[in-house]
PDB file of N, CA and C in Angstrom:
ATOM      1  N   UNK A   1     102.888  75.467 100.025  1.00  0.00           N
ATOM      2  CA  UNK A   1     103.850  74.392 100.124  1.00  0.00           C
ATOM      3  C   UNK A   1     103.163  73.113  99.684  1.00  0.00           C
ATOM      4  N   UNK A   2     103.845  72.351  98.863  1.00  0.00           N
ATOM      5  CA  UNK A   2     103.287  71.081  98.417  1.00  0.00           C
ATOM      6  C   UNK A   2     104.218  69.947  98.842  1.00  0.00           C
ATOM      7  N   UNK A   3     103.634  68.780  98.967  1.00  0.00           N
ATOM      8  CA  UNK A   3     104.410  67.614  99.351  1.00  0.00           C
ATOM      9  C   UNK A   3     104.905  66.897  98.109  1.00  0.00           C
ATOM     10  N   UNK A   4     106.115  66.397  98.190  1.00  0.00           N
ATOM     11  CA  UNK A   4     106.707  65.597  97.126  1.00  0.00           C
ATOM     12  C   UNK A   4     107.083  64.248  97.731  1.00  0.00           C
ATOM     13  N   UNK A   5     106.999  63.212  96.936  1.00  0.00           N
ATOM     14  CA  UNK A   5     107.433  61.893  97.396  1.00  0.00           C
ATOM     15  C   UNK A   5     108.949  61.830  97.286  1.00  0.00           C
ATOM     16  N   UNK A   6     109.586  61.548  98.406  1.00  0.00           N
ATOM     17  CA  UNK A   6     111.050  61.494  98.432  1.00  0.00           C
ATOM     18  C   UNK A   6     111.581  60.465  97.449  1.00  0.00           C
ATOM     19  N   UNK A   7     110.875  59.354  97.303  1.00  0.00           N
ATOM     20  CA  UNK A   7     111.315  58.303  96.388  1.00  0.00           C
ATOM     21  C   UNK A   7     111.340  58.792  94.946  1.00  0.00           C
ATOM     22  N   UNK A   8     110.511  59.815  94.645  1.00  0.00           N
ATOM     23  CA  UNK A   8     110.454  60.354  93.287  1.00  0.00           C
ATOM     24  C   UNK A   8     111.524  61.405  93.006  1.00  0.00           C
ATOM     25  N   UNK A   9     112.085  62.005  94.057  1.00  0.00           N
ATOM     26  CA  UNK A   9     113.002  63.120  93.808  1.00  0.00           C
ATOM     27  C   UNK A   9     114.409  62.946  94.374  1.00  0.00           C
ATOM     28  N   UNK A  10     114.585  62.049  95.327  1.00  0.00           N
ATOM     29  CA  UNK A  10     115.911  61.871  95.928  1.00  0.00           C
ATOM     30  C   UNK A  10     116.602  60.629  95.371  1.00  0.00           C
ATOM     31  N   UNK A  11     117.912  60.711  95.212  1.00  0.00           N
ATOM     32  CA  UNK A  11     118.649  59.508  94.819  1.00  0.00           C
ATOM     33  C   UNK A  11     118.505  58.442  95.919  1.00  0.00           C
ATOM     34  N   UNK A  12     118.554  57.175  95.527  1.00  0.00           N
ATOM     35  CA  UNK A  12     118.333  56.077  96.472  1.00  0.00           C
ATOM     36  C   UNK A  12     119.266  56.150  97.684  1.00  0.00           C
ATOM     37  N   UNK A  13     120.553  56.447  97.457  1.00  0.00           N
ATOM     38  CA  UNK A  13     121.490  56.472  98.586  1.00  0.00           C
ATOM     39  C   UNK A  13     121.166  57.611  99.561  1.00  0.00           C
ATOM     40  N   UNK A  14     120.712  58.762  99.048  1.00  0.00           N
ATOM     41  CA  UNK A  14     120.334  59.866  99.933  1.00  0.00           C
ATOM     42  C   UNK A  14     119.054  59.533 100.695  1.00  0.00           C
ATOM     43  N   UNK A  15     118.100  58.926 100.023  1.00  0.00           N
ATOM     44  CA  UNK A  15     116.859  58.507 100.674  1.00  0.00           C
ATOM     45  C   UNK A  15     117.155  57.517 101.799  1.00  0.00           C
ATOM     46  N   UNK A  16     118.037  56.574 101.548  1.00  0.00           N
ATOM     47  CA  UNK A  16     118.406  55.604 102.586  1.00  0.00           C
ATOM     48  C   UNK A  16     119.046  56.293 103.779  1.00  0.00           C
ATOM     49  N   UNK A  17     119.897  57.290 103.513  1.00  0.00           N
ATOM     50  CA  UNK A  17     120.543  58.027 104.602  1.00  0.00           C
ATOM     51  C   UNK A  17     119.515  58.792 105.428  1.00  0.00           C
ATOM     52  N   UNK A  18     118.549  59.425 104.775  1.00  0.00           N
ATOM     53  CA  UNK A  18     117.509  60.160 105.493  1.00  0.00           C
ATOM     54  C   UNK A  18     116.656  59.200 106.317  1.00  0.00           C
ATOM     55  N   UNK A  19     116.372  58.021 105.772  1.00  0.00           N
ATOM     56  CA  UNK A  19     115.550  57.039 106.482  1.00  0.00           C
ATOM     57  C   UNK A  19     116.221  56.538 107.757  1.00  0.00           C
ATOM     58  N   UNK A  20     117.531  56.660 107.867  1.00  0.00           N
ATOM     59  CA  UNK A  20     118.214  56.275 109.105  1.00  0.00           C
ATOM     60  C   UNK A  20     117.823  57.212 110.247  1.00  0.00           C
ATOM     61  N   UNK A  21     117.470  58.468 109.920  1.00  0.00           N
ATOM     62  CA  UNK A  21     117.117  59.449 110.940  1.00  0.00           C
ATOM     63  C   UNK A  21     115.615  59.566 111.142  1.00  0.00           C
ATOM     64  N   UNK A  22     114.872  59.449 110.073  1.00  0.00           N
ATOM     65  CA  UNK A  22     113.422  59.588 110.146  1.00  0.00           C
ATOM     66  C   UNK A  22     112.816  58.644 109.113  1.00  0.00           C
ATOM     67  N   UNK A  23     112.090  57.650 109.578  1.00  0.00           N
ATOM     68  CA  UNK A  23     111.576  56.605 108.698  1.00  0.00           C
ATOM     69  C   UNK A  23     110.050  56.670 108.672  1.00  0.00           C
ATOM     70  N   UNK A  24     109.506  57.076 107.536  1.00  0.00           N
ATOM     71  CA  UNK A  24     108.050  57.096 107.385  1.00  0.00           C
ATOM     72  C   UNK A  24     107.369  58.277 108.041  1.00  0.00           C
ATOM     73  N   UNK A  25     108.100  59.278 108.459  1.00  0.00           N
ATOM     74  CA  UNK A  25     107.536  60.466 109.089  1.00  0.00           C
ATOM     75  C   UNK A  25     107.648  61.648 108.134  1.00  0.00           C
ATOM     76  N   UNK A  26     106.938  62.715 108.444  1.00  0.00           N
ATOM     77  CA  UNK A  26     107.032  63.933 107.647  1.00  0.00           C
ATOM     78  C   UNK A  26     108.246  64.731 108.108  1.00  0.00           C
ATOM     79  N   UNK A  27     108.888  65.380 107.168  1.00  0.00           N
ATOM     80  CA  UNK A  27     110.024  66.234 107.481  1.00  0.00           C
ATOM     81  C   UNK A  27     109.893  67.504 106.649  1.00  0.00           C
ATOM     82  N   UNK A  28     110.150  68.637 107.282  1.00  0.00           N
ATOM     83  CA  UNK A  28     110.106  69.916 106.576  1.00  0.00           C
ATOM     84  C   UNK A  28     111.535  70.316 106.227  1.00  0.00           C
ATOM     85  N   UNK A  29     111.750  70.636 104.988  1.00  0.00           N
ATOM     86  CA  UNK A  29     113.060  71.097 104.542  1.00  0.00           C
ATOM     87  C   UNK A  29     112.913  72.577 104.202  1.00  0.00           C
ATOM     88  N   UNK A  30     113.541  73.450 104.991  1.00  0.00           N
ATOM     89  CA  UNK A  30     113.365  74.883 104.769  1.00  0.00           C
ATOM     90  C   UNK A  30     114.035  75.352 103.485  1.00  0.00           C
ATOM     91  N   UNK A  31     113.555  76.480 102.991  1.00  0.00           N
ATOM     92  CA  UNK A  31     114.140  77.069 101.793  1.00  0.00           C
ATOM     93  C   UNK A  31     115.526  77.604 102.124  1.00  0.00           C
ATOM     94  N   UNK A  32     116.356  77.684 101.100  1.00  0.00           N
ATOM     95  CA  UNK A  32     117.638  78.344 101.254  1.00  0.00           C
ATOM     96  C   UNK A  32     117.375  79.813 101.547  1.00  0.00           C
ATOM     97  N   UNK A  33     118.242  80.413 102.330  1.00  0.00           N
ATOM     98  CA  UNK A  33     118.050  81.810 102.727  1.00  0.00           C
ATOM     99  C   UNK A  33     117.884  82.734 101.513  1.00  0.00           C
ATOM    100  N   UNK A  34     118.670  82.497 100.479  1.00  0.00           N
ATOM    101  CA  UNK A  34     118.610  83.365  99.300  1.00  0.00           C
ATOM    102  C   UNK A  34     117.345  83.157  98.466  1.00  0.00           C
ATOM    103  N   UNK A  35     116.608  82.080  98.719  1.00  0.00           N
ATOM    104  CA  UNK A  35     115.387  81.804  97.969  1.00  0.00           C
ATOM    105  C   UNK A  35     114.112  82.164  98.730  1.00  0.00           C
ATOM    106  N   UNK A  36     114.269  82.645  99.965  1.00  0.00           N
ATOM    107  CA  UNK A  36     113.097  82.972 100.775  1.00  0.00           C
ATOM    108  C   UNK A  36     112.400  84.203 100.221  1.00  0.00           C
ATOM    109  N   UNK A  37     111.082  84.176 100.279  1.00  0.00           N
ATOM    110  CA  UNK A  37     110.260  85.298  99.850  1.00  0.00           C
ATOM    111  C   UNK A  37     109.669  85.962 101.082  1.00  0.00           C
ATOM    112  N   UNK A  38     109.430  87.234 101.004  1.00  0.00           N
ATOM    113  CA  UNK A  38     108.811  87.921 102.123  1.00  0.00           C
ATOM    114  C   UNK A  38     107.335  87.543 102.197  1.00  0.00           C
ATOM    115  N   UNK A  39     106.740  87.759 103.362  1.00  0.00           N
ATOM    116  CA  UNK A  39     105.353  87.394 103.581  1.00  0.00           C
ATOM    117  C   UNK A  39     104.465  88.103 102.566  1.00  0.00           C
ATOM    118  N   UNK A  40     103.566  87.372 101.947  1.00  0.00           N
ATOM    119  CA  UNK A  40     102.609  87.939 101.015  1.00  0.00           C
ATOM    120  C   UNK A  40     103.136  88.136  99.609  1.00  0.00           C
ATOM    121  N   UNK A  41     104.357  87.713  99.339  1.00  0.00           N
ATOM    122  CA  UNK A  41     104.945  87.943  98.019  1.00  0.00           C
ATOM    123  C   UNK A  41     104.263  87.120  96.929  1.00  0.00           C
ATOM    124  N   UNK A  42     103.705  85.977  97.266  1.00  0.00           N
ATOM    125  CA  UNK A  42     103.068  85.117  96.263  1.00  0.00           C
ATOM    126  C   UNK A  42     101.580  85.374  96.095  1.00  0.00           C
ATOM    127  N   UNK A  43     101.013  86.205  96.943  1.00  0.00           N
ATOM    128  CA  UNK A  43      99.574  86.435  96.894  1.00  0.00           C
ATOM    129  C   UNK A  43      99.285  87.933  96.893  1.00  0.00           C
ATOM    130  N   UNK A  44      98.029  88.264  96.795  1.00  0.00           N
ATOM    131  CA  UNK A  44      97.605  89.665  96.847  1.00  0.00           C
ATOM    132  C   UNK A  44      97.253  90.094  98.273  1.00  0.00           C
ATOM    133  N   UNK A  45      97.538  89.256  99.248  1.00  0.00           N
ATOM    134  CA  UNK A  45      97.149  89.535 100.624  1.00  0.00           C
ATOM    135  C   UNK A  45      97.726  90.853 101.119  1.00  0.00           C
ATOM    136  N   UNK A  46      98.986  91.073 100.871  1.00  0.00           N
ATOM    137  CA  UNK A  46      99.631  92.297 101.359  1.00  0.00           C
ATOM    138  C   UNK A  46      98.932  93.537 100.801  1.00  0.00           C
ATOM    139  N   UNK A  47      98.672  93.555  99.497  1.00  0.00           N
ATOM    140  CA  UNK A  47      98.014  94.715  98.885  1.00  0.00           C
ATOM    141  C   UNK A  47      96.560  94.833  99.341  1.00  0.00           C
ATOM    142  N   UNK A  48      95.892  93.707  99.538  1.00  0.00           N
ATOM    143  CA  UNK A  48      94.516  93.727 100.033  1.00  0.00           C
ATOM    144  C   UNK A  48      94.453  94.364 101.417  1.00  0.00           C
ATOM    145  N   UNK A  49      95.396  93.993 102.284  1.00  0.00           N
ATOM    146  CA  UNK A  49      95.419  94.570 103.630  1.00  0.00           C
ATOM    147  C   UNK A  49      95.774  96.054 103.591  1.00  0.00           C
ATOM    148  N   UNK A  50      96.673  96.437 102.706  1.00  0.00           N
ATOM    149  CA  UNK A  50      96.999  97.867 102.577  1.00  0.00           C
ATOM    150  C   UNK A  50      95.768  98.671 102.170  1.00  0.00           C
ATOM    151  N   UNK A  51      95.034  98.149 101.194  1.00  0.00           N
ATOM    152  CA  UNK A  51      93.823  98.839 100.741  1.00  0.00           C
ATOM    153  C   UNK A  51      92.790  98.913 101.866  1.00  0.00           C
ATOM    154  N   UNK A  52      92.616  97.819 102.595  1.00  0.00           N
ATOM    155  CA  UNK A  52      91.674  97.803 103.720  1.00  0.00           C
ATOM    156  C   UNK A  52      92.074  98.839 104.766  1.00  0.00           C
ATOM    157  N   UNK A  53      93.368  98.884 105.075  1.00  0.00           N
ATOM    158  CA  UNK A  53      93.842  99.809 106.103  1.00  0.00           C
ATOM    159  C   UNK A  53      93.673 101.268 105.677  1.00  0.00           C
ATOM    160  N   UNK A  54      93.908 101.547 104.390  1.00  0.00           N
ATOM    161  CA  UNK A  54      93.679 102.905 103.887  1.00  0.00           C
ATOM    162  C   UNK A  54      92.201 103.272 103.989  1.00  0.00           C
ATOM    163  N   UNK A  55      91.343 102.301 103.699  1.00  0.00           N
ATOM    164  CA  UNK A  55      89.905 102.547 103.804  1.00  0.00           C
ATOM    165  C   UNK A  55      89.497 102.794 105.249  1.00  0.00           C
ATOM    166  N   UNK A  56      90.077 102.059 106.173  1.00  0.00           N
ATOM    167  CA  UNK A  56      89.772 102.262 107.589  1.00  0.00           C
ATOM    168  C   UNK A  56      90.136 103.683 108.000  1.00  0.00           C
ATOM    169  N   UNK A  57      91.328 104.138 107.632  1.00  0.00           N
ATOM    170  CA  UNK A  57      91.731 105.496 107.977  1.00  0.00           C
ATOM    171  C   UNK A  57      90.814 106.513 107.310  1.00  0.00           C
ATOM    172  N   UNK A  58      90.499 106.301 106.059  1.00  0.00           N
ATOM    173  CA  UNK A  58      89.628 107.225 105.328  1.00  0.00           C
ATOM    174  C   UNK A  58      88.259 107.334 105.997  1.00  0.00           C
ATOM    175  N   UNK A  59      87.683 106.209 106.363  1.00  0.00           N
ATOM    176  CA  UNK A  59      86.373 106.220 107.023  1.00  0.00           C
ATOM    177  C   UNK A  59      86.449 106.881 108.395  1.00  0.00           C
ATOM    178  N   UNK A  60      87.559 106.653 109.095  1.00  0.00           N
ATOM    179  CA  UNK A  60      87.722 107.276 110.420  1.00  0.00           C
ATOM    180  C   UNK A  60      87.788 108.790 110.272  1.00  0.00           C
ATOM    181  N   UNK A  61      88.549 109.251 109.289  1.00  0.00           N
ATOM    182  CA  UNK A  61      88.668 110.691 109.058  1.00  0.00           C
ATOM    183  C   UNK A  61      87.348 111.293 108.581  1.00  0.00           C
ATOM    184  N   UNK A  62      86.506 110.462 107.972  1.00  0.00           N
ATOM    185  CA  UNK A  62      85.192 110.920 107.501  1.00  0.00           C
ATOM    186  C   UNK A  62      84.155 110.919 108.621  1.00  0.00           C
ATOM    187  N   UNK A  63      84.529 110.433 109.809  1.00  0.00           N
ATOM    188  CA  UNK A  63      83.629 110.517 110.945  1.00  0.00           C
ATOM    189  C   UNK A  63      83.126 109.218 111.523  1.00  0.00           C
ATOM    190  N   UNK A  64      83.493 108.092 110.972  1.00  0.00           N
ATOM    191  CA  UNK A  64      83.071 106.810 111.547  1.00  0.00           C
ATOM    192  C   UNK A  64      83.739 106.614 112.907  1.00  0.00           C
ATOM    193  N   UNK A  65      83.011 106.018 113.821  1.00  0.00           N
ATOM    194  CA  UNK A  65      83.603 105.725 115.119  1.00  0.00           C
ATOM    195  C   UNK A  65      84.444 104.452 115.017  1.00  0.00           C
ATOM    196  N   UNK A  66      85.322 104.297 115.985  1.00  0.00           N
ATOM    197  CA  UNK A  66      86.155 103.097 116.028  1.00  0.00           C
ATOM    198  C   UNK A  66      85.272 101.862 116.206  1.00  0.00           C
ATOM    199  N   UNK A  67      84.238 101.964 117.002  1.00  0.00           N
ATOM    200  CA  UNK A  67      83.323 100.833 117.211  1.00  0.00           C
ATOM    201  C   UNK A  67      82.639 100.439 115.898  1.00  0.00           C
ATOM    202  N   UNK A  68      82.216 101.429 115.120  1.00  0.00           N
ATOM    203  CA  UNK A  68      81.587 101.141 113.826  1.00  0.00           C
ATOM    204  C   UNK A  68      82.574 100.452 112.880  1.00  0.00           C
ATOM    205  N   UNK A  69      83.794 100.948 112.865  1.00  0.00           N
ATOM    206  CA  UNK A  69      84.825 100.355 112.006  1.00  0.00           C
ATOM    207  C   UNK A  69      85.127  98.921 112.429  1.00  0.00           C
ATOM    208  N   UNK A  70      85.223  98.705 113.727  1.00  0.00           N
ATOM    209  CA  UNK A  70      85.507  97.366 114.235  1.00  0.00           C
ATOM    210  C   UNK A  70      84.408  96.394 113.822  1.00  0.00           C
ATOM    211  N   UNK A  71      83.183  96.836 113.923  1.00  0.00           N
ATOM    212  CA  UNK A  71      82.065  95.968 113.545  1.00  0.00           C
ATOM    213  C   UNK A  71      82.056  95.711 112.039  1.00  0.00           C
ATOM    214  N   UNK A  72      82.274  96.750 111.261  1.00  0.00           N
ATOM    215  CA  UNK A  72      82.236  96.609 109.805  1.00  0.00           C
ATOM    216  C   UNK A  72      83.348  95.700 109.288  1.00  0.00           C
ATOM    217  N   UNK A  73      84.556  95.860 109.815  1.00  0.00           N
ATOM    218  CA  UNK A  73      85.710  95.106 109.312  1.00  0.00           C
ATOM    219  C   UNK A  73      85.982  93.832 110.119  1.00  0.00           C
ATOM    220  N   UNK A  74      85.119  93.553 111.092  1.00  0.00           N
ATOM    221  CA  UNK A  74      85.243  92.348 111.924  1.00  0.00           C
ATOM    222  C   UNK A  74      86.606  92.279 112.617  1.00  0.00           C
ATOM    223  N   UNK A  75      86.988  93.415 113.194  1.00  0.00           N
ATOM    224  CA  UNK A  75      88.239  93.516 113.940  1.00  0.00           C
ATOM    225  C   UNK A  75      87.935  94.059 115.329  1.00  0.00           C
ATOM    226  N   UNK A  76      88.886  93.911 116.237  1.00  0.00           N
ATOM    227  CA  UNK A  76      88.718  94.506 117.556  1.00  0.00           C
ATOM    228  C   UNK A  76      88.979  96.007 117.469  1.00  0.00           C
ATOM    229  N   UNK A  77      88.468  96.731 118.440  1.00  0.00           N
ATOM    230  CA  UNK A  77      88.725  98.166 118.473  1.00  0.00           C
ATOM    231  C   UNK A  77      90.218  98.441 118.622  1.00  0.00           C
ATOM    232  N   UNK A  78      90.888  97.608 119.394  1.00  0.00           N
ATOM    233  CA  UNK A  78      92.334  97.766 119.575  1.00  0.00           C
ATOM    234  C   UNK A  78      93.059  97.635 118.230  1.00  0.00           C
ATOM    235  N   UNK A  79      92.635  96.676 117.418  1.00  0.00           N
ATOM    236  CA  UNK A  79      93.243  96.483 116.097  1.00  0.00           C
ATOM    237  C   UNK A  79      92.982  97.695 115.208  1.00  0.00           C
ATOM    238  N   UNK A  80      91.784  98.253 115.291  1.00  0.00           N
ATOM    239  CA  UNK A  80      91.459  99.443 114.506  1.00  0.00           C
ATOM    240  C   UNK A  80      92.360 100.604 114.907  1.00  0.00           C
ATOM    241  N   UNK A  81      92.545 100.806 116.205  1.00  0.00           N
ATOM    242  CA  UNK A  81      93.433 101.872 116.673  1.00  0.00           C
ATOM    243  C   UNK A  81      94.859 101.681 116.150  1.00  0.00           C
ATOM    244  N   UNK A  82      95.346 100.440 116.184  1.00  0.00           N
ATOM    245  CA  UNK A  82      96.698 100.159 115.683  1.00  0.00           C
ATOM    246  C   UNK A  82      96.817 100.480 114.199  1.00  0.00           C
ATOM    247  N   UNK A  83      95.804 100.100 113.427  1.00  0.00           N
ATOM    248  CA  UNK A  83      95.817 100.348 111.986  1.00  0.00           C
ATOM    249  C   UNK A  83      95.797 101.854 111.706  1.00  0.00           C
ATOM    250  N   UNK A  84      94.933 102.574 112.417  1.00  0.00           N
ATOM    251  CA  UNK A  84      94.836 104.018 112.221  1.00  0.00           C
ATOM    252  C   UNK A  84      96.179 104.694 112.538  1.00  0.00           C
ATOM    253  N   UNK A  85      96.767 104.321 113.659  1.00  0.00           N
ATOM    254  CA  UNK A  85      98.059 104.917 114.036  1.00  0.00           C
ATOM    255  C   UNK A  85      99.151 104.577 113.029  1.00  0.00           C
ATOM    256  N   UNK A  86      99.167 103.354 112.555  1.00  0.00           N
ATOM    257  CA  UNK A  86     100.182 102.945 111.580  1.00  0.00           C
ATOM    258  C   UNK A  86      99.986 103.682 110.263  1.00  0.00           C
ATOM    259  N   UNK A  87      98.745 103.853 109.827  1.00  0.00           N
ATOM    260  CA  UNK A  87      98.467 104.542 108.579  1.00  0.00           C
ATOM    261  C   UNK A  87      98.822 106.026 108.672  1.00  0.00           C
ATOM    262  N   UNK A  88      98.602 106.626 109.823  1.00  0.00           N
ATOM    263  CA  UNK A  88      98.934 108.039 110.007  1.00  0.00           C
ATOM    264  C   UNK A  88     100.440 108.265 109.965  1.00  0.00           C
ATOM    265  N   UNK A  89     101.201 107.335 110.544  1.00  0.00           N
ATOM    266  CA  UNK A  89     102.664 107.509 110.606  1.00  0.00           C
ATOM    267  C   UNK A  89     103.348 106.942 109.378  1.00  0.00           C
ATOM    268  N   UNK A  90     102.674 106.045 108.678  1.00  0.00           N
ATOM    269  CA  UNK A  90     103.294 105.382 107.534  1.00  0.00           C
ATOM    270  C   UNK A  90     103.118 106.161 106.306  1.00  0.00           C
TER     271      UNK A  90
END
């Protein structure tokens, strides 16, 4: 998300109307529902996590302990268990 100067993008009369409600403060204007993107759609984060999770399951099936996986991936053991269960059912 980037900031835009309202004076640069809004017509003067609309800017004046907005200033009646909020003057000199930050305001967040949400996206239209039809323009919303799902989490991770703009980045490779979703695919990176999928690959990591597949690797966690693969290493677990190869004999790594949950404690070893937690230490290697810097996650809690509980998180490792959740990932393993999700990968098995998914």
